[in-house]
Each structure stands twice: as C-alpha cells, then as structure tokens.
C-alpha cells in the first residue's frame, strides 16, 4: 500500500514488486498514470510481476471499456458503498464492512480474478 500518486515510484522505495495495483479515477490525469508508471519503472529499474488496473466507483461503462483497451489487466471497479464512506468519516476500519457490502463484494471479485490469472 502506498499513497496516491507516483512519488513512491520515483524514489524507488522498492525495486521488486510482485503485483502492482493501480486504482484509477475517471480523469485524463489518472489515465495518463498508466503510461507514466510504465515509463518510471522502466527508467529507474523497478521490476514488477503484474500491473493490474482497478477503477474506483465513479467509473462508467465507457471508461471501463477504455481501460480494457489499454492492454493491461483490467480487473473491474470497486462499487460505490455508502457504508464505506460512513466508515471512513467515523475512522472505522474498512475491514469491518459486512461481507454483503457492495465495496467488499466487488473487491472480493477483483481478487478472485487475480487468483484466476495467477493460477491459470
């Protein structure tokens, strides 16, 4: 886990990453991050096994289609969840969300797709 943005890559805090998950919002800046991440990791010698793209809850179907066309592994989006917002505001851990919450369910689906890619 790291803060939003690319500074942690520029500083080469790590040099070998198994799985790099990029959580994106539907903005041109966010979409440019995909190419920038690939450039930075190549330029400064960071190796990663997999680059996975995940859309946040604001993504619409057209933007999801764009992500699928990037050639990178698009895993889906994290669904909007009012409880997740409330937990954040209250300082509660998101790990306490009920299993039937939309965010929890969508993340479980995303992780199962990763498992399927790794096993297959």
Protein backbone atom coordinates (compact mmCIF):
# COMPACT_ATOMS: atom_id res chain seq x y z
CA UNK A 1 0.00 0.00 0.00
CA UNK A 2 1.24 3.47 -0.80
CA UNK A 3 -0.10 7.00 -1.09
CA UNK A 4 -1.81 8.19 -4.23
CA UNK A 5 0.48 9.49 -6.94
CA UNK A 6 3.78 8.33 -8.35
CA UNK A 7 6.33 9.78 -5.93
CA UNK A 8 6.92 6.44 -4.21
CA UNK A 9 7.96 5.01 -7.58
CA UNK A 10 10.23 7.96 -8.39
CA UNK A 11 12.01 7.48 -5.07
CA UNK A 12 12.47 3.77 -5.79
CA UNK A 13 11.32 2.80 -2.32
CA UNK A 14 11.10 -0.76 -3.61
CA UNK A 15 12.82 -2.38 -6.57
CA UNK A 16 10.87 -5.64 -6.94
CA UNK A 17 7.08 -5.77 -6.82
CA UNK A 18 5.03 -8.91 -7.35
CA UNK A 19 1.68 -7.25 -8.02
CA UNK A 20 1.17 -3.55 -8.69
CA UNK A 21 -2.46 -2.47 -8.31
CA UNK A 22 -3.33 0.94 -9.74
CA UNK A 23 -6.63 2.36 -8.50
CA UNK A 24 -7.85 4.92 -11.02
CA UNK A 25 -10.49 7.60 -11.11
CA UNK A 26 -12.13 8.64 -14.39
CA UNK A 27 -9.83 11.57 -15.22
CA UNK A 28 -7.34 12.15 -18.01
CA UNK A 29 -4.58 12.59 -15.41
CA UNK A 30 -5.38 9.24 -13.86
CA UNK A 31 -5.41 7.52 -17.24
CA UNK A 32 -2.02 9.08 -18.12
CA UNK A 33 -0.64 7.50 -14.95
CA UNK A 34 -0.76 4.09 -16.63
CA UNK A 35 1.86 5.09 -19.23
CA UNK A 36 3.82 7.12 -16.67
CA UNK A 37 4.06 4.16 -14.29
CA UNK A 38 5.45 2.00 -17.08
CA UNK A 39 7.96 4.72 -18.03
CA UNK A 40 9.15 5.32 -14.47
CA UNK A 41 9.51 1.65 -13.61
CA UNK A 42 11.50 1.06 -16.79
CA UNK A 43 13.72 4.14 -16.41
CA UNK A 44 14.76 3.52 -12.82
CA UNK A 45 14.77 -0.26 -12.86
CA UNK A 46 11.75 -1.25 -10.81
CA UNK A 47 10.63 -4.75 -11.71
CA UNK A 48 7.05 -5.89 -11.27
CA UNK A 49 5.35 -9.16 -11.99
CA UNK A 50 1.89 -7.87 -12.85
CA UNK A 51 0.29 -4.47 -13.37
CA UNK A 52 -3.41 -4.53 -12.52
CA UNK A 53 -5.87 -1.71 -13.18
CA UNK A 54 -8.86 -1.16 -10.91
CA UNK A 55 -11.49 1.53 -11.39
CA UNK A 56 -12.93 3.41 -8.45
CA UNK A 57 -16.70 3.66 -8.01
CA UNK A 58 -17.02 6.69 -10.34
CA UNK A 59 -16.19 4.74 -13.49
CA UNK A 60 -18.89 4.45 -16.11
CA UNK A 61 -19.11 1.74 -18.74
CA UNK A 62 -17.32 3.79 -21.45
CA UNK A 63 -14.32 4.45 -19.22
CA UNK A 64 -14.22 0.79 -18.22
CA UNK A 65 -14.10 -0.12 -21.92
CA UNK A 66 -11.17 2.27 -22.38
CA UNK A 67 -9.26 0.60 -19.54
CA UNK A 68 -9.88 -2.80 -21.09
CA UNK A 69 -8.33 -1.50 -24.33
CA UNK A 70 -5.03 -0.42 -22.70
CA UNK A 71 -3.52 -3.89 -22.95
CA UNK A 72 -3.09 -4.07 -19.18
CA UNK A 73 -5.07 -6.39 -16.94
CA UNK A 74 -8.26 -4.55 -16.01
CA UNK A 75 -9.85 -6.27 -13.02
CA UNK A 76 -13.08 -4.30 -12.64
CA UNK A 77 -14.22 -1.49 -10.44
CA UNK A 78 -14.87 -1.02 -6.76
CA UNK A 79 -18.59 -0.45 -6.38
CA UNK A 80 -19.97 2.60 -4.59
CA UNK A 81 -20.80 1.84 -0.97
CA UNK A 82 -22.40 4.41 1.34
CA UNK A 83 -21.26 2.36 4.35
CA UNK A 84 -17.63 2.68 3.22
CA UNK A 85 -18.00 6.46 3.21
CA UNK A 86 -19.54 6.40 6.67
CA UNK A 87 -16.77 4.13 7.98
CA UNK A 88 -14.12 6.47 6.57
CA UNK A 89 -15.74 9.52 8.15
CA UNK A 90 -16.05 7.74 11.50
CA UNK A 91 -12.46 6.49 11.37
CA UNK A 92 -13.59 2.87 11.35
CA UNK A 93 -11.59 0.21 9.55
CA UNK A 94 -12.96 -0.79 6.15
CA UNK A 95 -12.06 -4.35 7.12
CA UNK A 96 -15.13 -4.21 9.37
CA UNK A 97 -17.52 -3.74 6.44
CA UNK A 98 -20.12 -6.51 6.25
CA UNK A 99 -19.46 -9.18 3.62
CA UNK A 100 -22.60 -8.19 1.73
CA UNK A 101 -21.46 -4.58 1.23
CA UNK A 102 -21.08 -3.58 -2.44
CA UNK A 103 -17.45 -2.48 -1.95
CA UNK A 104 -16.48 -5.67 -0.12
CA UNK A 105 -18.21 -7.87 -2.71
CA UNK A 106 -16.61 -6.10 -5.67
CA UNK A 107 -13.14 -6.27 -4.10
CA UNK A 108 -13.62 -9.98 -3.43
CA UNK A 109 -14.48 -10.40 -7.13
CA UNK A 110 -11.41 -8.41 -8.18
CA UNK A 111 -9.14 -10.54 -6.01
CA UNK A 112 -10.69 -13.76 -7.34
CA UNK A 113 -9.85 -12.59 -10.88
CA UNK A 114 -6.23 -12.08 -9.77
CA UNK A 115 -6.20 -15.60 -8.31
CA UNK A 116 -7.55 -16.94 -11.61
CA UNK A 117 -4.85 -15.13 -13.59
CA UNK A 118 -2.05 -16.34 -11.33
CA UNK A 119 -3.29 -19.95 -11.28
CA UNK A 120 -4.15 -20.03 -14.99
